[in-house]
Every structure is written in C-alpha cells, then in structure tokens.
Full PDB file with SEQRES, HELIX, SHEET, SSBOND, CRYST1, ORIGX, SCALE, CONECT and MASTER records, all heavy atoms in Angstrom:
SEQRES   1 A   35  ALA ASN ALA PRO GLY PHE THR ARG SER TYR PRO SER PHE          
SEQRES   2 A   35  SER GLY ARG THR VAL ARG LEU VAL SER ILE ASP MET ASN          
SEQRES   3 A   35  GLY ALA VAL GLY GLY ALA SER ILE ASP                          
HELIX    1 AA1 PRO A   11  PHE A   13  5                                   3    
CRYST1    1.000    1.000    1.000  90.00  90.00  90.00 P 1           1          
ORIGX1      1.000000  0.000000  0.000000        0.00000                         
ORIGX2      0.000000  1.000000  0.000000        0.00000                         
ORIGX3      0.000000  0.000000  1.000000        0.00000                         
SCALE1      1.000000  0.000000  0.000000        0.00000                         
SCALE2      0.000000  1.000000  0.000000        0.00000                         
SCALE3      0.000000  0.000000  1.000000        0.00000                         
ATOM      1  N   ALA A   1       0.890  -1.161   0.024  1.00  0.00           N  
ATOM      2  CA  ALA A   1       0.013   0.044  -0.017  1.00  0.00           C  
ATOM      3  C   ALA A   1       0.912   1.182  -0.044  1.00  0.00           C  
ATOM      4  O   ALA A   1       1.952   1.243   0.686  1.00  0.00           O  
ATOM      5  CB  ALA A   1      -0.978   0.065   1.212  1.00  0.00           C  
ATOM      6  N   ASN A   2       0.450   2.245  -0.782  1.00  0.00           N  
ATOM      7  CA  ASN A   2       1.142   3.593  -0.768  1.00  0.00           C  
ATOM      8  C   ASN A   2       2.535   3.427  -1.386  1.00  0.00           C  
ATOM      9  O   ASN A   2       3.358   4.310  -1.108  1.00  0.00           O  
ATOM     10  CB  ASN A   2       1.175   4.259   0.508  1.00  0.00           C  
ATOM     11  CG  ASN A   2      -0.270   4.481   1.015  1.00  0.00           C  
ATOM     12  OD1 ASN A   2      -1.118   4.914   0.400  1.00  0.00           O  
ATOM     13  ND2 ASN A   2      -0.485   4.053   2.267  1.00  0.00           N  
ATOM     14  N   ALA A   3       2.905   2.470  -2.167  1.00  0.00           N  
ATOM     15  CA  ALA A   3       4.054   2.421  -2.809  1.00  0.00           C  
ATOM     16  C   ALA A   3       4.217   3.473  -3.924  1.00  0.00           C  
ATOM     17  O   ALA A   3       3.151   3.922  -4.501  1.00  0.00           O  
ATOM     18  CB  ALA A   3       4.238   1.046  -3.532  1.00  0.00           C  
ATOM     19  N   PRO A   4       5.368   4.133  -4.126  1.00  0.00           N  
ATOM     20  CA  PRO A   4       5.516   5.123  -5.213  1.00  0.00           C  
ATOM     21  C   PRO A   4       5.200   4.555  -6.538  1.00  0.00           C  
ATOM     22  O   PRO A   4       5.440   3.461  -6.778  1.00  0.00           O  
ATOM     23  CB  PRO A   4       6.869   5.552  -5.058  1.00  0.00           C  
ATOM     24  CG  PRO A   4       7.606   4.462  -4.300  1.00  0.00           C  
ATOM     25  CD  PRO A   4       6.637   3.753  -3.516  1.00  0.00           C  
ATOM     26  N   GLY A   5       4.609   5.463  -7.376  1.00  0.00           N  
ATOM     27  CA  GLY A   5       4.431   5.102  -8.691  1.00  0.00           C  
ATOM     28  C   GLY A   5       5.735   4.897  -9.601  1.00  0.00           C  
ATOM     29  O   GLY A   5       6.719   5.373  -9.215  1.00  0.00           O  
ATOM     30  N   PHE A   6       5.522   4.243 -10.710  1.00  0.00           N  
ATOM     31  CA  PHE A   6       6.703   3.870 -11.528  1.00  0.00           C  
ATOM     32  C   PHE A   6       6.322   3.612 -12.994  1.00  0.00           C  
ATOM     33  O   PHE A   6       5.109   3.284 -13.205  1.00  0.00           O  
ATOM     34  CB  PHE A   6       7.707   2.938 -10.997  1.00  0.00           C  
ATOM     35  CG  PHE A   6       7.020   1.584 -10.938  1.00  0.00           C  
ATOM     36  CD1 PHE A   6       7.159   0.693 -12.039  1.00  0.00           C  
ATOM     37  CD2 PHE A   6       6.298   1.045  -9.742  1.00  0.00           C  
ATOM     38  CE1 PHE A   6       6.578  -0.632 -12.014  1.00  0.00           C  
ATOM     39  CE2 PHE A   6       5.648  -0.212  -9.716  1.00  0.00           C  
ATOM     40  CZ  PHE A   6       5.788  -1.039 -10.876  1.00  0.00           C  
ATOM     41  N   THR A   7       7.266   3.798 -13.810  1.00  0.00           N  
ATOM     42  CA  THR A   7       7.107   3.339 -15.238  1.00  0.00           C  
ATOM     43  C   THR A   7       8.216   2.375 -15.616  1.00  0.00           C  
ATOM     44  O   THR A   7       9.359   2.474 -15.159  1.00  0.00           O  
ATOM     45  CB  THR A   7       7.194   4.541 -16.226  1.00  0.00           C  
ATOM     46  OG1 THR A   7       6.100   5.518 -15.823  1.00  0.00           O  
ATOM     47  CG2 THR A   7       7.001   4.168 -17.660  1.00  0.00           C  
ATOM     48  N   ARG A   8       7.870   1.334 -16.374  1.00  0.00           N  
ATOM     49  CA  ARG A   8       8.828   0.277 -16.682  1.00  0.00           C  
ATOM     50  C   ARG A   8       8.518  -0.094 -18.224  1.00  0.00           C  
ATOM     51  O   ARG A   8       7.356  -0.405 -18.615  1.00  0.00           O  
ATOM     52  CB  ARG A   8       8.626  -0.963 -15.837  1.00  0.00           C  
ATOM     53  CG  ARG A   8       9.642  -2.113 -16.017  1.00  0.00           C  
ATOM     54  CD  ARG A   8       9.498  -3.175 -15.061  1.00  0.00           C  
ATOM     55  NE  ARG A   8       9.746  -2.694 -13.721  1.00  0.00           N  
ATOM     56  CZ  ARG A   8       9.445  -3.384 -12.588  1.00  0.00           C  
ATOM     57  NH1 ARG A   8       8.916  -4.515 -12.704  1.00  0.00           N  
ATOM     58  NH2 ARG A   8       9.703  -2.859 -11.372  1.00  0.00           N  
ATOM     59  N   SER A   9       9.535  -0.119 -18.948  1.00  0.00           N  
ATOM     60  CA  SER A   9       9.450  -0.541 -20.429  1.00  0.00           C  
ATOM     61  C   SER A   9       9.953  -1.953 -20.630  1.00  0.00           C  
ATOM     62  O   SER A   9      10.971  -2.457 -19.940  1.00  0.00           O  
ATOM     63  CB  SER A   9      10.219   0.488 -21.263  1.00  0.00           C  
ATOM     64  OG  SER A   9       9.581   1.805 -21.213  1.00  0.00           O  
ATOM     65  N   TYR A  10       9.519  -2.578 -21.731  1.00  0.00           N  
ATOM     66  CA  TYR A  10       9.948  -3.939 -22.050  1.00  0.00           C  
ATOM     67  C   TYR A  10      10.261  -3.976 -23.540  1.00  0.00           C  
ATOM     68  O   TYR A  10       9.470  -4.447 -24.545  1.00  0.00           O  
ATOM     69  CB  TYR A  10       8.743  -4.884 -21.774  1.00  0.00           C  
ATOM     70  CG  TYR A  10       8.184  -4.866 -20.318  1.00  0.00           C  
ATOM     71  CD1 TYR A  10       7.265  -4.036 -19.862  1.00  0.00           C  
ATOM     72  CD2 TYR A  10       8.897  -5.591 -19.382  1.00  0.00           C  
ATOM     73  CE1 TYR A  10       6.860  -3.912 -18.610  1.00  0.00           C  
ATOM     74  CE2 TYR A  10       8.556  -5.546 -17.992  1.00  0.00           C  
ATOM     75  CZ  TYR A  10       7.497  -4.732 -17.760  1.00  0.00           C  
ATOM     76  OH  TYR A  10       7.113  -4.712 -16.363  1.00  0.00           O  
ATOM     77  N   PRO A  11      11.455  -3.508 -23.882  1.00  0.00           N  
ATOM     78  CA  PRO A  11      11.955  -3.384 -25.291  1.00  0.00           C  
ATOM     79  C   PRO A  11      11.956  -4.805 -25.982  1.00  0.00           C  
ATOM     80  O   PRO A  11      11.836  -4.788 -27.240  1.00  0.00           O  
ATOM     81  CB  PRO A  11      13.196  -2.633 -25.265  1.00  0.00           C  
ATOM     82  CG  PRO A  11      13.741  -2.845 -23.891  1.00  0.00           C  
ATOM     83  CD  PRO A  11      12.487  -2.958 -23.059  1.00  0.00           C  
ATOM     84  N   SER A  12      12.300  -5.792 -25.332  1.00  0.00           N  
ATOM     85  CA  SER A  12      12.384  -7.108 -25.846  1.00  0.00           C  
ATOM     86  C   SER A  12      10.989  -7.700 -26.393  1.00  0.00           C  
ATOM     87  O   SER A  12      11.012  -8.698 -27.125  1.00  0.00           O  
ATOM     88  CB  SER A  12      13.021  -8.119 -24.907  1.00  0.00           C  
ATOM     89  OG  SER A  12      14.348  -7.748 -24.613  1.00  0.00           O  
ATOM     90  N   PHE A  13       9.898  -7.009 -26.003  1.00  0.00           N  
ATOM     91  CA  PHE A  13       8.647  -7.454 -26.260  1.00  0.00           C  
ATOM     92  C   PHE A  13       7.853  -6.541 -27.225  1.00  0.00           C  
ATOM     93  O   PHE A  13       6.636  -6.559 -27.322  1.00  0.00           O  
ATOM     94  CB  PHE A  13       7.775  -7.781 -25.098  1.00  0.00           C  
ATOM     95  CG  PHE A  13       8.259  -8.901 -24.338  1.00  0.00           C  
ATOM     96  CD1 PHE A  13       9.369  -8.888 -23.393  1.00  0.00           C  
ATOM     97  CD2 PHE A  13       7.743 -10.231 -24.527  1.00  0.00           C  
ATOM     98  CE1 PHE A  13       9.870 -10.003 -22.740  1.00  0.00           C  
ATOM     99  CE2 PHE A  13       8.187 -11.375 -23.921  1.00  0.00           C  
ATOM    100  CZ  PHE A  13       9.284 -11.205 -22.952  1.00  0.00           C  
ATOM    101  N   SER A  14       8.675  -5.853 -28.051  1.00  0.00           N  
ATOM    102  CA  SER A  14       7.979  -4.927 -29.079  1.00  0.00           C  
ATOM    103  C   SER A  14       7.221  -5.784 -29.974  1.00  0.00           C  
ATOM    104  O   SER A  14       7.609  -6.860 -30.423  1.00  0.00           O  
ATOM    105  CB  SER A  14       9.074  -4.144 -29.819  1.00  0.00           C  
ATOM    106  OG  SER A  14       9.748  -3.176 -29.014  1.00  0.00           O  
ATOM    107  N   GLY A  15       6.005  -5.261 -30.313  1.00  0.00           N  
ATOM    108  CA  GLY A  15       5.053  -6.013 -31.270  1.00  0.00           C  
ATOM    109  C   GLY A  15       4.299  -7.020 -30.609  1.00  0.00           C  
ATOM    110  O   GLY A  15       3.533  -7.709 -31.316  1.00  0.00           O  
ATOM    111  N   ARG A  16       4.390  -7.246 -29.282  1.00  0.00           N  
ATOM    112  CA  ARG A  16       3.662  -8.296 -28.529  1.00  0.00           C  
ATOM    113  C   ARG A  16       2.543  -7.508 -27.840  1.00  0.00           C  
ATOM    114  O   ARG A  16       2.491  -6.355 -27.534  1.00  0.00           O  
ATOM    115  CB  ARG A  16       4.507  -8.922 -27.501  1.00  0.00           C  
ATOM    116  CG  ARG A  16       5.712  -9.731 -27.988  1.00  0.00           C  
ATOM    117  CD  ARG A  16       5.250 -10.835 -28.845  1.00  0.00           C  
ATOM    118  NE  ARG A  16       6.372 -11.619 -29.258  1.00  0.00           N  
ATOM    119  CZ  ARG A  16       6.481 -12.948 -29.248  1.00  0.00           C  
ATOM    120  NH1 ARG A  16       5.452 -13.549 -28.657  1.00  0.00           N  
ATOM    121  NH2 ARG A  16       7.504 -13.598 -29.675  1.00  0.00           N  
ATOM    122  N   THR A  17       1.441  -8.252 -27.490  1.00  0.00           N  
ATOM    123  CA  THR A  17       0.317  -7.744 -26.727  1.00  0.00           C  
ATOM    124  C   THR A  17       0.696  -8.102 -25.215  1.00  0.00           C  
ATOM    125  O   THR A  17       0.954  -9.274 -24.964  1.00  0.00           O  
ATOM    126  CB  THR A  17      -1.051  -8.364 -27.101  1.00  0.00           C  
ATOM    127  OG1 THR A  17      -1.180  -8.015 -28.478  1.00  0.00           O  
ATOM    128  CG2 THR A  17      -2.139  -7.974 -26.233  1.00  0.00           C  
ATOM    129  N   VAL A  18       0.504  -7.220 -24.380  1.00  0.00           N  
ATOM    130  CA  VAL A  18       0.722  -7.462 -22.995  1.00  0.00           C  
ATOM    131  C   VAL A  18      -0.626  -7.088 -22.233  1.00  0.00           C  
ATOM    132  O   VAL A  18      -1.231  -6.116 -22.373  1.00  0.00           O  
ATOM    133  CB  VAL A  18       1.926  -6.521 -22.330  1.00  0.00           C  
ATOM    134  CG1 VAL A  18       2.033  -6.611 -20.913  1.00  0.00           C  
ATOM    135  CG2 VAL A  18       3.227  -6.765 -23.137  1.00  0.00           C  
ATOM    136  N   ARG A  19      -0.833  -8.145 -21.314  1.00  0.00           N  
ATOM    137  CA  ARG A  19      -2.048  -7.982 -20.533  1.00  0.00           C  
ATOM    138  C   ARG A  19      -1.717  -7.949 -18.982  1.00  0.00           C  
ATOM    139  O   ARG A  19      -0.852  -8.526 -18.590  1.00  0.00           O  
ATOM    140  CB  ARG A  19      -3.039  -9.125 -20.713  1.00  0.00           C  
ATOM    141  CG  ARG A  19      -3.444  -9.217 -22.195  1.00  0.00           C  
ATOM    142  CD  ARG A  19      -4.332 -10.529 -22.386  1.00  0.00           C  
ATOM    143  NE  ARG A  19      -4.948 -10.478 -23.729  1.00  0.00           N  
ATOM    144  CZ  ARG A  19      -4.462 -11.092 -24.753  1.00  0.00           C  
ATOM    145  NH1 ARG A  19      -3.339 -11.720 -24.655  1.00  0.00           N  
ATOM    146  NH2 ARG A  19      -5.070 -11.040 -25.908  1.00  0.00           N  
ATOM    147  N   LEU A  20      -2.497  -7.185 -18.258  1.00  0.00           N  
ATOM    148  CA  LEU A  20      -2.484  -7.181 -16.802  1.00  0.00           C  
ATOM    149  C   LEU A  20      -3.453  -8.129 -16.186  1.00  0.00           C  
ATOM    150  O   LEU A  20      -4.646  -8.087 -16.589  1.00  0.00           O  
ATOM    151  CB  LEU A  20      -2.780  -5.811 -16.264  1.00  0.00           C  
ATOM    152  CG  LEU A  20      -1.853  -4.661 -16.766  1.00  0.00           C  
ATOM    153  CD1 LEU A  20      -2.436  -3.268 -16.335  1.00  0.00           C  
ATOM    154  CD2 LEU A  20      -0.411  -4.810 -16.159  1.00  0.00           C  
ATOM    155  N   VAL A  21      -2.970  -9.000 -15.266  1.00  0.00           N  
ATOM    156  CA  VAL A  21      -3.844 -10.021 -14.768  1.00  0.00           C  
ATOM    157  C   VAL A  21      -3.640  -9.987 -13.226  1.00  0.00           C  
ATOM    158  O   VAL A  21      -2.452 -10.142 -12.767  1.00  0.00           O  
ATOM    159  CB  VAL A  21      -3.485 -11.335 -15.305  1.00  0.00           C  
ATOM    160  CG1 VAL A  21      -4.339 -12.365 -14.695  1.00  0.00           C  
ATOM    161  CG2 VAL A  21      -3.485 -11.429 -16.785  1.00  0.00           C  
ATOM    162  N   SER A  22      -4.756  -9.693 -12.556  1.00  0.00           N  
ATOM    163  CA  SER A  22      -4.675  -9.718 -11.025  1.00  0.00           C  
ATOM    164  C   SER A  22      -4.475 -11.014 -10.506  1.00  0.00           C  
ATOM    165  O   SER A  22      -5.013 -12.015 -10.984  1.00  0.00           O  
ATOM    166  CB  SER A  22      -6.039  -9.105 -10.463  1.00  0.00           C  
ATOM    167  OG  SER A  22      -5.970  -9.205  -9.087  1.00  0.00           O  
ATOM    168  N   ILE A  23      -3.479 -11.116  -9.395  1.00  0.00           N  
ATOM    169  CA  ILE A  23      -3.389 -12.437  -8.822  1.00  0.00           C  
ATOM    170  C   ILE A  23      -3.783 -12.251  -7.279  1.00  0.00           C  
ATOM    171  O   ILE A  23      -3.371 -12.999  -6.499  1.00  0.00           O  
ATOM    172  CB  ILE A  23      -1.989 -13.003  -8.978  1.00  0.00           C  
ATOM    173  CG1 ILE A  23      -0.897 -11.961  -8.543  1.00  0.00           C  
ATOM    174  CG2 ILE A  23      -1.786 -13.554 -10.325  1.00  0.00           C  
ATOM    175  CD1 ILE A  23       0.492 -12.571  -8.638  1.00  0.00           C  
ATOM    176  N   ASP A  24      -4.590 -11.217  -7.130  1.00  0.00           N  
ATOM    177  CA  ASP A  24      -5.165 -11.018  -5.656  1.00  0.00           C  
ATOM    178  C   ASP A  24      -6.636 -11.489  -5.762  1.00  0.00           C  
ATOM    179  O   ASP A  24      -7.192 -11.659  -6.836  1.00  0.00           O  
ATOM    180  CB  ASP A  24      -5.181  -9.533  -5.415  1.00  0.00           C  
ATOM    181  CG  ASP A  24      -3.823  -9.037  -4.996  1.00  0.00           C  
ATOM    182  OD1 ASP A  24      -3.087  -9.756  -4.341  1.00  0.00           O  
ATOM    183  OD2 ASP A  24      -3.524  -7.805  -5.165  1.00  0.00           O  
ATOM    184  N   MET A  25      -7.234 -11.524  -4.575  1.00  0.00           N  
ATOM    185  CA  MET A  25      -8.579 -11.985  -4.497  1.00  0.00           C  
ATOM    186  C   MET A  25      -9.609 -10.906  -5.045  1.00  0.00           C  
ATOM    187  O   MET A  25     -10.745 -11.352  -5.486  1.00  0.00           O  
ATOM    188  CB  MET A  25      -8.971 -12.212  -3.010  1.00  0.00           C  
ATOM    189  CG  MET A  25      -8.125 -13.321  -2.434  1.00  0.00           C  
ATOM    190  SD  MET A  25      -8.260 -14.995  -3.245  1.00  0.00           S  
ATOM    191  CE  MET A  25      -9.971 -15.367  -2.711  1.00  0.00           C  
ATOM    192  N   ASN A  26      -9.220  -9.677  -5.195  1.00  0.00           N  
ATOM    193  CA  ASN A  26     -10.113  -8.707  -5.677  1.00  0.00           C  
ATOM    194  C   ASN A  26     -10.444  -8.755  -7.188  1.00  0.00           C  
ATOM    195  O   ASN A  26     -11.435  -8.221  -7.636  1.00  0.00           O  
ATOM    196  CB  ASN A  26      -9.789  -7.309  -5.299  1.00  0.00           C  
ATOM    197  CG  ASN A  26      -8.496  -6.749  -5.981  1.00  0.00           C  
ATOM    198  OD1 ASN A  26      -8.008  -7.473  -6.830  1.00  0.00           O  
ATOM    199  ND2 ASN A  26      -7.992  -5.701  -5.449  1.00  0.00           N  
ATOM    200  N   GLY A  27      -9.554  -9.375  -7.929  1.00  0.00           N  
ATOM    201  CA  GLY A  27      -9.732  -9.646  -9.311  1.00  0.00           C  
ATOM    202  C   GLY A  27      -9.519  -8.416 -10.267  1.00  0.00           C  
ATOM    203  O   GLY A  27      -9.907  -8.382 -11.412  1.00  0.00           O  
ATOM    204  N   ALA A  28      -8.985  -7.307  -9.653  1.00  0.00           N  
ATOM    205  CA  ALA A  28      -8.898  -6.066 -10.448  1.00  0.00           C  
ATOM    206  C   ALA A  28      -7.418  -5.496 -10.240  1.00  0.00           C  
ATOM    207  O   ALA A  28      -6.810  -5.816  -9.282  1.00  0.00           O  
ATOM    208  CB  ALA A  28      -9.833  -5.030 -10.074  1.00  0.00           C  
ATOM    209  N   VAL A  29      -6.975  -4.780 -11.234  1.00  0.00           N  
ATOM    210  CA  VAL A  29      -5.686  -4.246 -11.212  1.00  0.00           C  
ATOM    211  C   VAL A  29      -5.966  -2.626 -11.096  1.00  0.00           C  
ATOM    212  O   VAL A  29      -6.512  -2.085 -12.133  1.00  0.00           O  
ATOM    213  CB  VAL A  29      -4.696  -4.531 -12.363  1.00  0.00           C  
ATOM    214  CG1 VAL A  29      -3.425  -3.822 -12.330  1.00  0.00           C  
ATOM    215  CG2 VAL A  29      -4.518  -6.061 -12.350  1.00  0.00           C  
ATOM    216  N   GLY A  30      -5.637  -2.096 -10.004  1.00  0.00           N  
ATOM    217  CA  GLY A  30      -5.975  -0.664  -9.858  1.00  0.00           C  
ATOM    218  C   GLY A  30      -4.779   0.256 -10.137  1.00  0.00           C  
ATOM    219  O   GLY A  30      -3.675  -0.097  -9.640  1.00  0.00           O  
ATOM    220  N   GLY A  31      -4.901   1.364 -10.839  1.00  0.00           N  
ATOM    221  CA  GLY A  31      -3.852   2.410 -11.022  1.00  0.00           C  
ATOM    222  C   GLY A  31      -2.733   1.832 -11.940  1.00  0.00           C  
ATOM    223  O   GLY A  31      -1.665   2.474 -11.919  1.00  0.00           O  
ATOM    224  N   ALA A  32      -2.920   0.888 -12.683  1.00  0.00           N  
ATOM    225  CA  ALA A  32      -1.830   0.350 -13.597  1.00  0.00           C  
ATOM    226  C   ALA A  32      -2.438   0.300 -14.992  1.00  0.00           C  
ATOM    227  O   ALA A  32      -3.620   0.068 -15.251  1.00  0.00           O  
ATOM    228  CB  ALA A  32      -1.301  -1.005 -13.147  1.00  0.00           C  
ATOM    229  N   SER A  33      -1.486   0.583 -16.070  1.00  0.00           N  
ATOM    230  CA  SER A  33      -2.035   0.608 -17.325  1.00  0.00           C  
ATOM    231  C   SER A  33      -0.796   0.155 -18.262  1.00  0.00           C  
ATOM    232  O   SER A  33       0.348   0.386 -17.912  1.00  0.00           O  
ATOM    233  CB  SER A  33      -2.661   1.826 -17.887  1.00  0.00           C  
ATOM    234  OG  SER A  33      -1.666   2.893 -17.833  1.00  0.00           O  
ATOM    235  N   ILE A  34      -1.072  -0.360 -19.442  1.00  0.00           N  
ATOM    236  CA  ILE A  34      -0.037  -0.649 -20.486  1.00  0.00           C  
ATOM    237  C   ILE A  34      -0.345   0.212 -21.644  1.00  0.00           C  
ATOM    238  O   ILE A  34      -1.434   0.495 -22.055  1.00  0.00           O  
ATOM    239  CB  ILE A  34      -0.154  -2.156 -20.905  1.00  0.00           C  
ATOM    240  CG1 ILE A  34       0.065  -3.084 -19.765  1.00  0.00           C  
ATOM    241  CG2 ILE A  34       0.679  -2.311 -22.042  1.00  0.00           C  
ATOM    242  CD1 ILE A  34       1.550  -3.159 -19.384  1.00  0.00           C  
ATOM    243  N   ASP A  35       0.687   0.879 -22.225  1.00  0.00           N  
ATOM    244  CA  ASP A  35       0.510   1.549 -23.485  1.00  0.00           C  
ATOM    245  C   ASP A  35       1.724   1.172 -24.421  1.00  0.00           C  
ATOM    246  O   ASP A  35       2.705   0.614 -23.987  1.00  0.00           O  
ATOM    247  CB  ASP A  35       0.454   3.031 -23.283  1.00  0.00           C  
ATOM    248  CG  ASP A  35       1.830   3.649 -22.829  1.00  0.00           C  
ATOM    249  OD1 ASP A  35       2.688   3.950 -23.781  1.00  0.00           O  
ATOM    250  OD2 ASP A  35       1.970   4.029 -21.684  1.00  0.00           O  
TER     251      ASP A  35                                                      
MASTER        0    0    0    1    0    0    0    6  250    1    0    3          
END                                                                             
C-alpha cells in the first residue's frame, strides 16, 4: 500500500500484446496501465 508510482518498459517485447492480470482476491488491477 502507498508504494510510489513507476514506469517500466519492455523493449524485448516490441510487437507483442501485454495484458495485466490480477493475482489478488479482488480480481482487479488498480492504478496500472499498459501503453
């Protein structure tokens, strides 16, 4: 909780589709996005 925000890039995966999948009981990923 309250961890600082960050940005991370994945250059080895250019051209791939990336999905965010929750592994918590709530089933949602809050405050995170892929572009």
